[in-house]
């Protein structure tokens, strides 16, 4: 089988959604993480651990872990998080709500932060931007 280009793959991957594809740069991600960090600091809640949701949440979680000088761990949506820690779960996008719903079912009361928050869904504790999410967002680590 011949390999396909990234552009061809994006077209094939997102054809069924009929959404336009929006490619973010590292610059955009850095700005979003800056905003998310500022919102977290404004809340003045003392977290002890950043938790990144595999796979997309790992990059912003690592970035926040460094900026907030907190340790970080990775989870899948069905992972039980140690309740002895004040944890902040980070994911890249809150689109359908399925991932966050799974996390909150397993870990009631956990706080969550995302880069992109679907404006049609109930509010999370922290987000960088609210968006109708009518485009398929491709993060730089997905290229």
Foldseek 3Di string as FASTA:
>chain_A
DDDDDPVVVVCVVCVVVPFAEDEDDVVVVVLLLVQQLVLVVVVVDDFAEEEAEPDQRPVSSVVSCVVVVHYYYYDHLQDQDPPVTLYEYEGAECQVVVSVVSNCVNPPPHAYEYAEYQPVDDDGSTYSDYDVPRHHYDYPVND
